Amino acid sequence: MTTFVYYFIPEDNENENKMNIFIIYKNYKDIKIQDIKDNFPLPGKYYFRFKFEFMEKSVWIDFNNPVGALPKYDGKIIMKVTRLSWDNKEEQKQDSLFM
């Protein structure tokens, strides 16, 4: 099963009208936040917000539950992505402290 994940990075002058896409080889119902982090196609450190429908309105929500099902909008995973860093060396250093 393959799932298309849609995203845009506002800092790169991107918006919802023309989104980027990448693939995760899982059913969309089984994808977790770690799958997004592991498969995100750009180098660096990023913060992910997910589009979600709440009370008949579309909203962007922060979601960091490692075991929870990702928020979906219209049956799709749609993200607004903020770049925190162009490289992930700092993240790798922090990860090695906990291994």
PDB file of N, CA and C in Angstrom:
ATOM      1  N   MET A   1       0.842  -1.171   0.000  1.00  0.00           N
ATOM      2  CA  MET A   1       0.000   0.000   0.000  1.00  0.00           C
ATOM      3  C   MET A   1       0.892   1.240   0.000  1.00  0.00           C
ATOM      4  N   THR A   2       0.543   2.220  -0.778  1.00  0.00           N
ATOM      5  CA  THR A   2       1.294   3.475  -0.803  1.00  0.00           C
ATOM      6  C   THR A   2       0.382   4.637  -0.425  1.00  0.00           C
ATOM      7  N   THR A   3       0.974   5.604   0.229  1.00  0.00           N
ATOM      8  CA  THR A   3       0.246   6.798   0.635  1.00  0.00           C
ATOM      9  C   THR A   3       1.013   8.018   0.158  1.00  0.00           C
ATOM     10  N   PHE A   4       0.316   8.930  -0.473  1.00  0.00           N
ATOM     11  CA  PHE A   4       0.895  10.204  -0.875  1.00  0.00           C
ATOM     12  C   PHE A   4       0.723  11.184   0.282  1.00  0.00           C
ATOM     13  N   VAL A   5       1.808  11.853   0.634  1.00  0.00           N
ATOM     14  CA  VAL A   5       1.778  12.859   1.695  1.00  0.00           C
ATOM     15  C   VAL A   5       2.030  14.205   1.029  1.00  0.00           C
ATOM     16  N   TYR A   6       1.120  15.131   1.221  1.00  0.00           N
ATOM     17  CA  TYR A   6       1.183  16.452   0.589  1.00  0.00           C
ATOM     18  C   TYR A   6       1.721  17.466   1.588  1.00  0.00           C
ATOM     19  N   TYR A   7       2.581  18.371   1.108  1.00  0.00           N
ATOM     20  CA  TYR A   7       3.129  19.369   2.011  1.00  0.00           C
ATOM     21  C   TYR A   7       3.542  20.630   1.254  1.00  0.00           C
ATOM     22  N   PHE A   8       3.658  21.711   2.029  1.00  0.00           N
ATOM     23  CA  PHE A   8       4.224  22.947   1.494  1.00  0.00           C
ATOM     24  C   PHE A   8       4.999  23.636   2.602  1.00  0.00           C
ATOM     25  N   ILE A   9       5.966  24.455   2.186  1.00  0.00           N
ATOM     26  CA  ILE A   9       6.826  25.178   3.120  1.00  0.00           C
ATOM     27  C   ILE A   9       6.634  26.667   2.855  1.00  0.00           C
ATOM     28  N   PRO A  10       5.871  27.358   3.700  1.00  0.00           N
ATOM     29  CA  PRO A  10       5.593  28.782   3.464  1.00  0.00           C
ATOM     30  C   PRO A  10       6.856  29.640   3.350  1.00  0.00           C
ATOM     31  N   GLU A  11       7.912  29.288   4.102  1.00  0.00           N
ATOM     32  CA  GLU A  11       9.156  30.067   4.037  1.00  0.00           C
ATOM     33  C   GLU A  11       9.815  30.000   2.663  1.00  0.00           C
ATOM     34  N   ASP A  12       9.452  29.006   1.867  1.00  0.00           N
ATOM     35  CA  ASP A  12       9.962  28.873   0.500  1.00  0.00           C
ATOM     36  C   ASP A  12       8.974  29.444  -0.519  1.00  0.00           C
ATOM     37  N   ASN A  13       8.074  30.284  -0.051  1.00  0.00           N
ATOM     38  CA  ASN A  13       7.028  30.889  -0.892  1.00  0.00           C
ATOM     39  C   ASN A  13       6.126  29.849  -1.535  1.00  0.00           C
ATOM     40  N   GLU A  14       5.877  28.751  -0.831  1.00  0.00           N
ATOM     41  CA  GLU A  14       4.948  27.731  -1.298  1.00  0.00           C
ATOM     42  C   GLU A  14       3.633  27.904  -0.560  1.00  0.00           C
ATOM     43  N   ASN A  15       2.565  27.348  -1.160  1.00  0.00           N
ATOM     44  CA  ASN A  15       1.265  27.422  -0.502  1.00  0.00           C
ATOM     45  C   ASN A  15       0.421  26.217  -0.878  1.00  0.00           C
ATOM     46  N   GLU A  16      -0.775  26.180  -0.358  1.00  0.00           N
ATOM     47  CA  GLU A  16      -1.666  25.039  -0.578  1.00  0.00           C
ATOM     48  C   GLU A  16      -2.110  24.865  -2.024  1.00  0.00           C
ATOM     49  N   ASN A  17      -1.987  25.890  -2.820  1.00  0.00           N
ATOM     50  CA  ASN A  17      -2.452  25.802  -4.201  1.00  0.00           C
ATOM     51  C   ASN A  17      -1.568  24.915  -5.074  1.00  0.00           C
ATOM     52  N   LYS A  18      -0.312  24.775  -4.693  1.00  0.00           N
ATOM     53  CA  LYS A  18       0.609  23.924  -5.448  1.00  0.00           C
ATOM     54  C   LYS A  18       1.546  23.260  -4.446  1.00  0.00           C
ATOM     55  N   MET A  19       1.179  22.045  -4.029  1.00  0.00           N
ATOM     56  CA  MET A  19       1.913  21.377  -2.966  1.00  0.00           C
ATOM     57  C   MET A  19       2.939  20.393  -3.510  1.00  0.00           C
ATOM     58  N   ASN A  20       3.915  20.098  -2.668  1.00  0.00           N
ATOM     59  CA  ASN A  20       4.890  19.044  -2.921  1.00  0.00           C
ATOM     60  C   ASN A  20       4.278  17.726  -2.449  1.00  0.00           C
ATOM     61  N   ILE A  21       4.935  16.640  -2.818  1.00  0.00           N
ATOM     62  CA  ILE A  21       4.403  15.332  -2.454  1.00  0.00           C
ATOM     63  C   ILE A  21       5.551  14.350  -2.247  1.00  0.00           C
ATOM     64  N   PHE A  22       5.366  13.430  -1.312  1.00  0.00           N
ATOM     65  CA  PHE A  22       6.274  12.291  -1.196  1.00  0.00           C
ATOM     66  C   PHE A  22       5.447  11.063  -0.822  1.00  0.00           C
ATOM     67  N   ILE A  23       6.066   9.905  -0.949  1.00  0.00           N
ATOM     68  CA  ILE A  23       5.354   8.640  -0.760  1.00  0.00           C
ATOM     69  C   ILE A  23       5.869   7.930   0.482  1.00  0.00           C
ATOM     70  N   ILE A  24       4.930   7.347   1.219  1.00  0.00           N
ATOM     71  CA  ILE A  24       5.261   6.422   2.302  1.00  0.00           C
ATOM     72  C   ILE A  24       4.578   5.107   1.952  1.00  0.00           C
ATOM     73  N   TYR A  25       5.326   4.040   2.020  1.00  0.00           N
ATOM     74  CA  TYR A  25       4.805   2.736   1.620  1.00  0.00           C
ATOM     75  C   TYR A  25       4.100   2.038   2.777  1.00  0.00           C
ATOM     76  N   LYS A  26       2.998   2.656   3.180  1.00  0.00           N
ATOM     77  CA  LYS A  26       2.108   2.133   4.216  1.00  0.00           C
ATOM     78  C   LYS A  26       0.702   2.619   3.912  1.00  0.00           C
ATOM     79  N   ASN A  27      -0.267   1.957   4.504  1.00  0.00           N
ATOM     80  CA  ASN A  27      -1.638   2.439   4.448  1.00  0.00           C
ATOM     81  C   ASN A  27      -1.712   3.735   5.249  1.00  0.00           C
ATOM     82  N   TYR A  28      -2.419   4.731   4.743  1.00  0.00           N
ATOM     83  CA  TYR A  28      -2.444   6.031   5.420  1.00  0.00           C
ATOM     84  C   TYR A  28      -2.959   5.945   6.858  1.00  0.00           C
ATOM     85  N   LYS A  29      -3.763   4.956   7.154  1.00  0.00           N
ATOM     86  CA  LYS A  29      -4.283   4.802   8.517  1.00  0.00           C
ATOM     87  C   LYS A  29      -3.210   4.327   9.494  1.00  0.00           C
ATOM     88  N   ASP A  30      -2.127   3.739   8.969  1.00  0.00           N
ATOM     89  CA  ASP A  30      -1.065   3.187   9.807  1.00  0.00           C
ATOM     90  C   ASP A  30       0.132   4.120   9.958  1.00  0.00           C
ATOM     91  N   ILE A  31       0.122   5.252   9.297  1.00  0.00           N
ATOM     92  CA  ILE A  31       1.266   6.159   9.325  1.00  0.00           C
ATOM     93  C   ILE A  31       1.280   6.957  10.629  1.00  0.00           C
ATOM     94  N   LYS A  32       2.451   7.011  11.243  1.00  0.00           N
ATOM     95  CA  LYS A  32       2.663   7.750  12.492  1.00  0.00           C
ATOM     96  C   LYS A  32       3.610   8.910  12.220  1.00  0.00           C
ATOM     97  N   ILE A  33       3.760   9.787  13.200  1.00  0.00           N
ATOM     98  CA  ILE A  33       4.624  10.957  13.043  1.00  0.00           C
ATOM     99  C   ILE A  33       6.068  10.556  12.745  1.00  0.00           C
ATOM    100  N   GLN A  34       6.540   9.454  13.310  1.00  0.00           N
ATOM    101  CA  GLN A  34       7.918   9.012  13.040  1.00  0.00           C
ATOM    102  C   GLN A  34       8.084   8.604  11.570  1.00  0.00           C
ATOM    103  N   ASP A  35       7.038   8.056  10.960  1.00  0.00           N
ATOM    104  CA  ASP A  35       7.096   7.729   9.526  1.00  0.00           C
ATOM    105  C   ASP A  35       7.287   8.996   8.698  1.00  0.00           C
ATOM    106  N   ILE A  36       6.618  10.063   9.104  1.00  0.00           N
ATOM    107  CA  ILE A  36       6.777  11.343   8.403  1.00  0.00           C
ATOM    108  C   ILE A  36       8.217  11.819   8.537  1.00  0.00           C
ATOM    109  N   LYS A  37       8.744  11.804   9.750  1.00  0.00           N
ATOM    110  CA  LYS A  37      10.110  12.262   9.990  1.00  0.00           C
ATOM    111  C   LYS A  37      11.126  11.400   9.242  1.00  0.00           C
ATOM    112  N   ASP A  38      10.921  10.102   9.245  1.00  0.00           N
ATOM    113  CA  ASP A  38      11.870   9.187   8.593  1.00  0.00           C
ATOM    114  C   ASP A  38      11.845   9.286   7.073  1.00  0.00           C
ATOM    115  N   ASN A  39      10.714   9.662   6.506  1.00  0.00           N
ATOM    116  CA  ASN A  39      10.566   9.669   5.053  1.00  0.00           C
ATOM    117  C   ASN A  39      10.541  11.055   4.424  1.00  0.00           C
ATOM    118  N   PHE A  40      10.581  12.105   5.235  1.00  0.00           N
ATOM    119  CA  PHE A  40      10.527  13.449   4.666  1.00  0.00           C
ATOM    120  C   PHE A  40      11.715  13.643   3.734  1.00  0.00           C
ATOM    121  N   PRO A  41      11.475  14.114   2.504  1.00  0.00           N
ATOM    122  CA  PRO A  41      12.505  14.067   1.464  1.00  0.00           C
ATOM    123  C   PRO A  41      13.584  15.150   1.512  1.00  0.00           C
ATOM    124  N   LEU A  42      13.459  16.132   2.380  1.00  0.00           N
ATOM    125  CA  LEU A  42      14.429  17.221   2.405  1.00  0.00           C
ATOM    126  C   LEU A  42      15.358  17.100   3.614  1.00  0.00           C
ATOM    127  N   PRO A  43      16.637  17.454   3.437  1.00  0.00           N
ATOM    128  CA  PRO A  43      17.540  17.424   4.578  1.00  0.00           C
ATOM    129  C   PRO A  43      17.222  18.570   5.536  1.00  0.00           C
ATOM    130  N   GLY A  44      17.533  18.378   6.782  1.00  0.00           N
ATOM    131  CA  GLY A  44      17.314  19.421   7.769  1.00  0.00           C
ATOM    132  C   GLY A  44      16.371  18.970   8.862  1.00  0.00           C
ATOM    133  N   LYS A  45      16.052  19.924   9.704  1.00  0.00           N
ATOM    134  CA  LYS A  45      15.137  19.685  10.822  1.00  0.00           C
ATOM    135  C   LYS A  45      13.876  20.501  10.561  1.00  0.00           C
ATOM    136  N   TYR A  46      12.705  19.873  10.732  1.00  0.00           N
ATOM    137  CA  TYR A  46      11.440  20.502  10.380  1.00  0.00           C
ATOM    138  C   TYR A  46      10.405  20.314  11.475  1.00  0.00           C
ATOM    139  N   TYR A  47       9.432  21.220  11.472  1.00  0.00           N
ATOM    140  CA  TYR A  47       8.280  21.113  12.351  1.00  0.00           C
ATOM    141  C   TYR A  47       7.054  20.928  11.461  1.00  0.00           C
ATOM    142  N   PHE A  48       6.216  19.965  11.787  1.00  0.00           N
ATOM    143  CA  PHE A  48       5.083  19.603  10.943  1.00  0.00           C
ATOM    144  C   PHE A  48       3.760  19.974  11.605  1.00  0.00           C
ATOM    145  N   ARG A  49       2.897  20.624  10.830  1.00  0.00           N
ATOM    146  CA  ARG A  49       1.510  20.879  11.238  1.00  0.00           C
ATOM    147  C   ARG A  49       0.602  20.184  10.226  1.00  0.00           C
ATOM    148  N   PHE A  50      -0.505  19.684  10.710  1.00  0.00           N
ATOM    149  CA  PHE A  50      -1.382  18.889   9.866  1.00  0.00           C
ATOM    150  C   PHE A  50      -2.737  19.560   9.700  1.00  0.00           C
ATOM    151  N   LYS A  51      -3.239  19.498   8.490  1.00  0.00           N
ATOM    152  CA  LYS A  51      -4.558  20.056   8.213  1.00  0.00           C
ATOM    153  C   LYS A  51      -5.602  19.074   8.720  1.00  0.00           C
ATOM    154  N   PHE A  52      -6.650  19.640   9.322  1.00  0.00           N
ATOM    155  CA  PHE A  52      -7.664  18.832   9.972  1.00  0.00           C
ATOM    156  C   PHE A  52      -8.980  19.577   9.908  1.00  0.00           C
ATOM    157  N   GLU A  53     -10.072  18.851   9.837  1.00  0.00           N
ATOM    158  CA  GLU A  53     -11.381  19.505   9.851  1.00  0.00           C
ATOM    159  C   GLU A  53     -11.948  19.456  11.260  1.00  0.00           C
ATOM    160  N   PHE A  54     -12.316  20.632  11.751  1.00  0.00           N
ATOM    161  CA  PHE A  54     -12.878  20.749  13.091  1.00  0.00           C
ATOM    162  C   PHE A  54     -14.077  21.677  13.022  1.00  0.00           C
ATOM    163  N   MET A  55     -15.225  21.170  13.408  1.00  0.00           N
ATOM    164  CA  MET A  55     -16.472  21.935  13.384  1.00  0.00           C
ATOM    165  C   MET A  55     -16.706  22.579  12.012  1.00  0.00           C
ATOM    166  N   GLU A  56     -16.538  21.769  10.983  1.00  0.00           N
ATOM    167  CA  GLU A  56     -16.777  22.157   9.592  1.00  0.00           C
ATOM    168  C   GLU A  56     -15.839  23.250   9.092  1.00  0.00           C
ATOM    169  N   LYS A  57     -14.694  23.410   9.750  1.00  0.00           N
ATOM    170  CA  LYS A  57     -13.683  24.372   9.304  1.00  0.00           C
ATOM    171  C   LYS A  57     -12.347  23.656   9.209  1.00  0.00           C
ATOM    172  N   SER A  58     -11.519  24.090   8.286  1.00  0.00           N
ATOM    173  CA  SER A  58     -10.180  23.521   8.214  1.00  0.00           C
ATOM    174  C   SER A  58      -9.260  24.295   9.143  1.00  0.00           C
ATOM    175  N   VAL A  59      -8.484  23.548   9.917  1.00  0.00           N
ATOM    176  CA  VAL A  59      -7.548  24.131  10.868  1.00  0.00           C
ATOM    177  C   VAL A  59      -6.210  23.401  10.738  1.00  0.00           C
ATOM    178  N   TRP A  60      -5.147  24.050  11.215  1.00  0.00           N
ATOM    179  CA  TRP A  60      -3.825  23.443  11.267  1.00  0.00           C
ATOM    180  C   TRP A  60      -3.547  23.089  12.722  1.00  0.00           C
ATOM    181  N   ILE A  61      -3.175  21.840  12.944  1.00  0.00           N
ATOM    182  CA  ILE A  61      -2.910  21.426  14.317  1.00  0.00           C
ATOM    183  C   ILE A  61      -1.487  20.878  14.454  1.00  0.00           C
ATOM    184  N   ASP A  62      -0.903  21.136  15.612  1.00  0.00           N
ATOM    185  CA  ASP A  62       0.377  20.546  15.970  1.00  0.00           C
ATOM    186  C   ASP A  62       0.079  19.141  16.469  1.00  0.00           C
ATOM    187  N   PHE A  63       0.886  18.202  16.057  1.00  0.00           N
ATOM    188  CA  PHE A  63       0.620  16.816  16.445  1.00  0.00           C
ATOM    189  C   PHE A  63       1.947  16.116  16.696  1.00  0.00           C
ATOM    190  N   ASN A  64       2.163  15.692  17.926  1.00  0.00           N
ATOM    191  CA  ASN A  64       3.423  15.041  18.277  1.00  0.00           C
ATOM    192  C   ASN A  64       3.233  13.722  19.010  1.00  0.00           C
ATOM    193  N   ASN A  65       2.024  13.172  18.965  1.00  0.00           N
ATOM    194  CA  ASN A  65       1.764  11.898  19.618  1.00  0.00           C
ATOM    195  C   ASN A  65       2.454  10.783  18.820  1.00  0.00           C
ATOM    196  N   PRO A  66       3.463  10.121  19.388  1.00  0.00           N
ATOM    197  CA  PRO A  66       4.222   9.136  18.614  1.00  0.00           C
ATOM    198  C   PRO A  66       3.438   7.890  18.228  1.00  0.00           C
ATOM    199  N   VAL A  67       2.360   7.580  18.924  1.00  0.00           N
ATOM    200  CA  VAL A  67       1.606   6.365  18.612  1.00  0.00           C
ATOM    201  C   VAL A  67       0.230   6.650  18.014  1.00  0.00           C
ATOM    202  N   GLY A  68      -0.173   7.900  17.989  1.00  0.00           N
ATOM    203  CA  GLY A  68      -1.497   8.255  17.489  1.00  0.00           C
ATOM    204  C   GLY A  68      -1.573   8.292  15.969  1.00  0.00           C
ATOM    205  N   ALA A  69      -2.770   8.076  15.461  1.00  0.00           N
ATOM    206  CA  ALA A  69      -3.006   8.191  14.016  1.00  0.00           C
ATOM    207  C   ALA A  69      -2.937   9.660  13.618  1.00  0.00           C
ATOM    208  N   LEU A  70      -2.278   9.931  12.510  1.00  0.00           N
ATOM    209  CA  LEU A  70      -2.126  11.320  12.067  1.00  0.00           C
ATOM    210  C   LEU A  70      -3.459  11.937  11.671  1.00  0.00           C
ATOM    211  N   PRO A  71      -3.604  13.227  11.901  1.00  0.00           N
ATOM    212  CA  PRO A  71      -4.810  13.924  11.443  1.00  0.00           C
ATOM    213  C   PRO A  71      -4.886  13.891   9.918  1.00  0.00           C
ATOM    214  N   LYS A  72      -6.088  13.749   9.416  1.00  0.00           N
ATOM    215  CA  LYS A  72      -6.306  13.720   7.969  1.00  0.00           C
ATOM    216  C   LYS A  72      -7.291  14.829   7.599  1.00  0.00           C
ATOM    217  N   TYR A  73      -7.196  15.264   6.366  1.00  0.00           N
ATOM    218  CA  TYR A  73      -8.144  16.230   5.834  1.00  0.00           C
ATOM    219  C   TYR A  73      -8.632  15.698   4.502  1.00  0.00           C
ATOM    220  N   ASP A  74      -9.907  15.474   4.395  1.00  0.00           N
ATOM    221  CA  ASP A  74     -10.491  14.955   3.164  1.00  0.00           C
ATOM    222  C   ASP A  74      -9.825  13.643   2.746  1.00  0.00           C
ATOM    223  N   GLY A  75      -9.471  12.812   3.751  1.00  0.00           N
ATOM    224  CA  GLY A  75      -8.856  11.514   3.490  1.00  0.00           C
ATOM    225  C   GLY A  75      -7.390  11.574   3.089  1.00  0.00           C
ATOM    226  N   LYS A  76      -6.750  12.739   3.240  1.00  0.00           N
ATOM    227  CA  LYS A  76      -5.348  12.904   2.846  1.00  0.00           C
ATOM    228  C   LYS A  76      -4.537  13.432   4.024  1.00  0.00           C
ATOM    229  N   ILE A  77      -3.243  13.150   3.980  1.00  0.00           N
ATOM    230  CA  ILE A  77      -2.314  13.761   4.928  1.00  0.00           C
ATOM    231  C   ILE A  77      -1.774  15.014   4.251  1.00  0.00           C
ATOM    232  N   ILE A  78      -2.092  16.169   4.838  1.00  0.00           N
ATOM    233  CA  ILE A  78      -1.669  17.461   4.276  1.00  0.00           C
ATOM    234  C   ILE A  78      -0.936  18.214   5.391  1.00  0.00           C
ATOM    235  N   MET A  79       0.290  18.667   5.065  1.00  0.00           N
ATOM    236  CA  MET A  79       1.117  19.297   6.086  1.00  0.00           C
ATOM    237  C   MET A  79       1.576  20.688   5.669  1.00  0.00           C
ATOM    238  N   LYS A  80       1.651  21.558   6.660  1.00  0.00           N
ATOM    239  CA  LYS A  80       2.331  22.853   6.540  1.00  0.00           C
ATOM    240  C   LYS A  80       3.621  22.668   7.320  1.00  0.00           C
ATOM    241  N   VAL A  81       4.756  22.834   6.651  1.00  0.00           N
ATOM    242  CA  VAL A  81       6.044  22.473   7.223  1.00  0.00           C
ATOM    243  C   VAL A  81       6.881  23.725   7.473  1.00  0.00           C
ATOM    244  N   THR A  82       7.463  23.817   8.654  1.00  0.00           N
ATOM    245  CA  THR A  82       8.355  24.919   8.998  1.00  0.00           C
ATOM    246  C   THR A  82       9.773  24.380   9.106  1.00  0.00           C
ATOM    247  N   ARG A  83      10.685  24.988   8.378  1.00  0.00           N
ATOM    248  CA  ARG A  83      12.090  24.586   8.452  1.00  0.00           C
ATOM    249  C   ARG A  83      12.721  25.207   9.691  1.00  0.00           C
ATOM    250  N   LEU A  84      13.302  24.368  10.541  1.00  0.00           N
ATOM    251  CA  LEU A  84      13.993  24.833  11.731  1.00  0.00           C
ATOM    252  C   LEU A  84      15.490  24.967  11.485  1.00  0.00           C
ATOM    253  N   SER A  85      16.011  24.111  10.607  1.00  0.00           N
ATOM    254  CA  SER A  85      17.440  24.107  10.311  1.00  0.00           C
ATOM    255  C   SER A  85      17.649  23.453   8.953  1.00  0.00           C
ATOM    256  N   TRP A  86      18.684  23.897   8.232  1.00  0.00           N
ATOM    257  CA  TRP A  86      19.004  23.291   6.934  1.00  0.00           C
ATOM    258  C   TRP A  86      19.724  21.964   7.089  1.00  0.00           C
ATOM    259  N   ASP A  87      20.329  21.709   8.236  1.00  0.00           N
ATOM    260  CA  ASP A  87      20.978  20.411   8.422  1.00  0.00           C
ATOM    261  C   ASP A  87      20.451  19.775   9.698  1.00  0.00           C
ATOM    262  N   ASN A  88      20.693  18.488   9.823  1.00  0.00           N
ATOM    263  CA  ASN A  88      20.179  17.793  11.003  1.00  0.00           C
ATOM    264  C   ASN A  88      21.312  17.305  11.892  1.00  0.00           C
ATOM    265  N   LYS A  89      22.496  17.918  11.808  1.00  0.00           N
ATOM    266  CA  LYS A  89      23.623  17.504  12.646  1.00  0.00           C
ATOM    267  C   LYS A  89      23.301  17.703  14.117  1.00  0.00           C
ATOM    268  N   GLU A  90      22.669  18.806  14.458  1.00  0.00           N
ATOM    269  CA  GLU A  90      22.307  19.058  15.856  1.00  0.00           C
ATOM    270  C   GLU A  90      21.340  17.999  16.355  1.00  0.00           C
ATOM    271  N   GLU A  91      20.367  17.637  15.511  1.00  0.00           N
ATOM    272  CA  GLU A  91      19.394  16.614  15.885  1.00  0.00           C
ATOM    273  C   GLU A  91      20.093  15.273  16.097  1.00  0.00           C
ATOM    274  N   GLN A  92      21.058  14.934  15.229  1.00  0.00           N
ATOM    275  CA  GLN A  92      21.773  13.675  15.368  1.00  0.00           C
ATOM    276  C   GLN A  92      22.561  13.646  16.668  1.00  0.00           C
ATOM    277  N   LYS A  93      23.166  14.772  17.050  1.00  0.00           N
ATOM    278  CA  LYS A  93      23.906  14.841  18.310  1.00  0.00           C
ATOM    279  C   LYS A  93      22.965  14.591  19.485  1.00  0.00           C
ATOM    280  N   GLN A  94      21.799  15.206  19.466  1.00  0.00           N
ATOM    281  CA  GLN A  94      20.834  15.044  20.549  1.00  0.00           C
ATOM    282  C   GLN A  94      20.352  13.601  20.610  1.00  0.00           C
ATOM    283  N   ASP A  95      20.090  12.991  19.435  1.00  0.00           N
ATOM    284  CA  ASP A  95      19.638  11.612  19.401  1.00  0.00           C
ATOM    285  C   ASP A  95      20.682  10.674  19.997  1.00  0.00           C
ATOM    286  N   SER A  96      21.972  10.934  19.725  1.00  0.00           N
ATOM    287  CA  SER A  96      23.025  10.047  20.222  1.00  0.00           C
ATOM    288  C   SER A  96      23.141  10.111  21.742  1.00  0.00           C
ATOM    289  N   LEU A  97      22.706  11.204  22.347  1.00  0.00           N
ATOM    290  CA  LEU A  97      22.740  11.315  23.800  1.00  0.00           C
ATOM    291  C   LEU A  97      21.768  10.358  24.469  1.00  0.00           C
ATOM    292  N   PHE A  98      20.719   9.997  23.748  1.00  0.00           N
ATOM    293  CA  PHE A  98      19.676   9.144  24.328  1.00  0.00           C
ATOM    294  C   PHE A  98      19.782   7.700  23.893  1.00  0.00           C
ATOM    295  N   MET A  99      20.802   7.349  23.139  1.00  0.00           N
ATOM    296  CA  MET A  99      20.945   5.971  22.658  1.00  0.00           C
ATOM    297  C   MET A  99      21.804   5.161  23.587  1.00  0.00           C
TER     298      MET A  99
END
